[in-house]
C-alpha atoms as a PDB file:
ATOM      1  CA  MET A   1     228.269  73.554 106.353  1.00  0.00           C
ATOM      2  CA  GLY A   2     226.535  70.250 106.956  1.00  0.00           C
ATOM      3  CA  PHE A   3     225.227  71.422 110.320  1.00  0.00           C
ATOM      4  CA  GLY A   4     223.848  74.588 108.701  1.00  0.00           C
ATOM      5  CA  SER A   5     221.965  72.514 106.131  1.00  0.00           C
ATOM      6  CA  PHE A   6     220.677  70.325 108.944  1.00  0.00           C
ATOM      7  CA  LEU A   7     219.352  73.355 110.813  1.00  0.00           C
ATOM      8  CA  PHE A   8     217.735  74.711 107.657  1.00  0.00           C
ATOM      9  CA  TYR A   9     215.842  71.481 107.028  1.00  0.00           C
ATOM     10  CA  VAL A  10     214.907  71.127 110.692  1.00  0.00           C
ATOM     11  CA  PHE A  11     213.306  74.566 110.691  1.00  0.00           C
ATOM     12  CA  LEU A  12     211.842  74.354 107.173  1.00  0.00           C
ATOM     13  CA  PRO A  13     208.305  73.651 108.458  1.00  0.00           C
ATOM     14  CA  VAL A  14     208.617  76.735 110.667  1.00  0.00           C
ATOM     15  CA  PHE A  15     209.597  78.875 107.665  1.00  0.00           C
ATOM     16  CA  TYR A  16     206.626  77.516 105.722  1.00  0.00           C
ATOM     17  CA  ALA A  17     204.401  78.205 108.744  1.00  0.00           C
ATOM     18  CA  PHE A  18     205.463  81.865 108.734  1.00  0.00           C
ATOM     19  CA  PHE A  19     204.681  82.021 105.022  1.00  0.00           C
ATOM     20  CA  GLY A  20     201.320  80.358 105.684  1.00  0.00           C
ATOM     21  CA  ILE A  21     200.512  82.882 108.401  1.00  0.00           C
ATOM     22  CA  GLY A  22     201.148  85.688 105.939  1.00  0.00           C
ATOM     23  CA  VAL A  23     199.032  84.055 103.243  1.00  0.00           C
ATOM     24  CA  GLY A  24     196.240  83.289 105.700  1.00  0.00           C
ATOM     25  CA  TYR A  25     196.242  86.843 107.052  1.00  0.00           C
ATOM     26  CA  TRP A  26     196.111  88.188 103.509  1.00  0.00           C
ATOM     27  CA  MET A  27     193.251  85.818 102.648  1.00  0.00           C
ATOM     28  CA  GLY A  28     191.378  86.916 105.764  1.00  0.00           C
ATOM     29  CA  THR A  29     191.748  90.555 104.736  1.00  0.00           C
ATOM     30  CA  LEU A  30     190.674  89.738 101.196  1.00  0.00           C
ATOM     31  CA  LEU A  31     187.612  87.724 102.236  1.00  0.00           C
ATOM     32  CA  THR A  32     186.376  90.068 104.969  1.00  0.00           C
ATOM     33  CA  GLY A  33     187.223  93.300 103.169  1.00  0.00           C
ATOM     34  CA  SER A  34     188.136  94.852 106.494  1.00  0.00           C
ATOM     35  CA  GLY A  35     190.737  97.433 107.349  1.00  0.00           C
ATOM     36  CA  GLU A  36     193.570  97.256 109.843  1.00  0.00           C
ATOM     37  CA  VAL A  37     191.689  96.601 113.090  1.00  0.00           C
ATOM     38  CA  GLU A  38     188.229  95.404 112.081  1.00  0.00           C
ATOM     39  CA  LEU A  39     187.587  91.654 112.216  1.00  0.00           C
ATOM     40  CA  SER A  40     191.162  90.983 113.254  1.00  0.00           C
ATOM     41  CA  LEU A  41     190.106  87.739 114.975  1.00  0.00           C
ATOM     42  CA  ILE A  42     188.964  86.257 111.653  1.00  0.00           C
ATOM     43  CA  LYS A  43     192.212  87.329 109.990  1.00  0.00           C
ATOM     44  CA  LEU A  44     194.170  85.838 112.886  1.00  0.00           C
ATOM     45  CA  LEU A  45     192.306  82.531 112.571  1.00  0.00           C
ATOM     46  CA  PHE A  46     192.924  82.446 108.820  1.00  0.00           C
ATOM     47  CA  GLY A  47     196.604  83.172 109.511  1.00  0.00           C
ATOM     48  CA  LEU A  48     196.923  80.402 112.075  1.00  0.00           C
ATOM     49  CA  GLY A  49     195.075  77.968 109.813  1.00  0.00           C
ATOM     50  CA  GLY A  50     197.361  78.831 106.907  1.00  0.00           C
ATOM     51  CA  GLY A  51     200.422  78.415 109.107  1.00  0.00           C
ATOM     52  CA  VAL A  52     199.329  74.981 110.297  1.00  0.00           C
ATOM     53  CA  LEU A  53     198.442  73.943 106.750  1.00  0.00           C
ATOM     54  CA  PHE A  54     201.778  75.020 105.239  1.00  0.00           C
ATOM     55  CA  ALA A  55     203.823  73.573 108.128  1.00  0.00           C
ATOM     56  CA  GLY A  56     201.993  70.256 107.860  1.00  0.00           C
ATOM     57  CA  ALA A  57     202.506  70.162 104.108  1.00  0.00           C
ATOM     58  CA  ALA A  58     206.229  70.843 104.518  1.00  0.00           C
ATOM     59  CA  HIS A  59     206.533  68.192 107.215  1.00  0.00           C
ATOM     60  CA  TYR A  60     204.710  65.426 105.352  1.00  0.00           C
ATOM     61  CA  THR A  61     206.199  66.035 101.889  1.00  0.00           C
ATOM     62  CA  GLU A  62     209.827  66.308 103.070  1.00  0.00           C
ATOM     63  CA  PRO A  63     210.731  62.599 102.494  1.00  0.00           C
ATOM     64  CA  PHE A  64     209.331  62.661  98.961  1.00  0.00           C
ATOM     65  CA  ARG A  65     211.229  65.859  98.172  1.00  0.00           C
ATOM     66  CA  ARG A  66     214.466  64.273  99.369  1.00  0.00           C
ATOM     67  CA  ILE A  67     213.857  61.171  97.243  1.00  0.00           C
ATOM     68  CA  LEU A  68     213.209  63.234  94.105  1.00  0.00           C
ATOM     69  CA  ILE A  69     216.285  65.401  94.674  1.00  0.00           C
ATOM     70  CA  GLY A  70     218.419  62.306  95.345  1.00  0.00           C
ATOM     71  CA  ILE A  71     217.254  60.554  92.185  1.00  0.00           C
ATOM     72  CA  GLY A  72     217.764  63.681  90.093  1.00  0.00           C
ATOM     73  CA  LEU A  73     221.249  64.411  91.422  1.00  0.00           C
ATOM     74  CA  GLY A  74     222.265  60.758  91.278  1.00  0.00           C
ATOM     75  CA  SER A  75     221.286  60.458  87.641  1.00  0.00           C
ATOM     76  CA  LEU A  76     222.982  63.773  86.823  1.00  0.00           C
ATOM     77  CA  ILE A  77     226.258  62.813  88.481  1.00  0.00           C
ATOM     78  CA  GLY A  78     226.237  59.144  87.419  1.00  0.00           C
ATOM     79  CA  ARG A  79     225.402  59.608  83.733  1.00  0.00           C
ATOM     80  CA  PRO A  80     228.133  58.641  81.290  1.00  0.00           C
ATOM     81  CA  ASP A  81     229.613  61.340  79.117  1.00  0.00           C
ATOM     82  CA  CYS A  82     228.727  60.780  75.502  1.00  0.00           C
END
């Protein structure tokens, strides 16, 4: 189970990148107002930009997320029962 969690957190930026590609492609469609094939290069560039943005955000905020989860769980487990 520990190795599965390790793999999940290793590939978390990749999962966020896929989400960012979807959001970027949707934004490109929304901004250009084009159909399926028209202006697909702009939609592709928006998708790649969104993927890079979301992957970078996941990569750089990971240590802070771990700290906040550790503090929260530590205080939850270590609190005295009243």
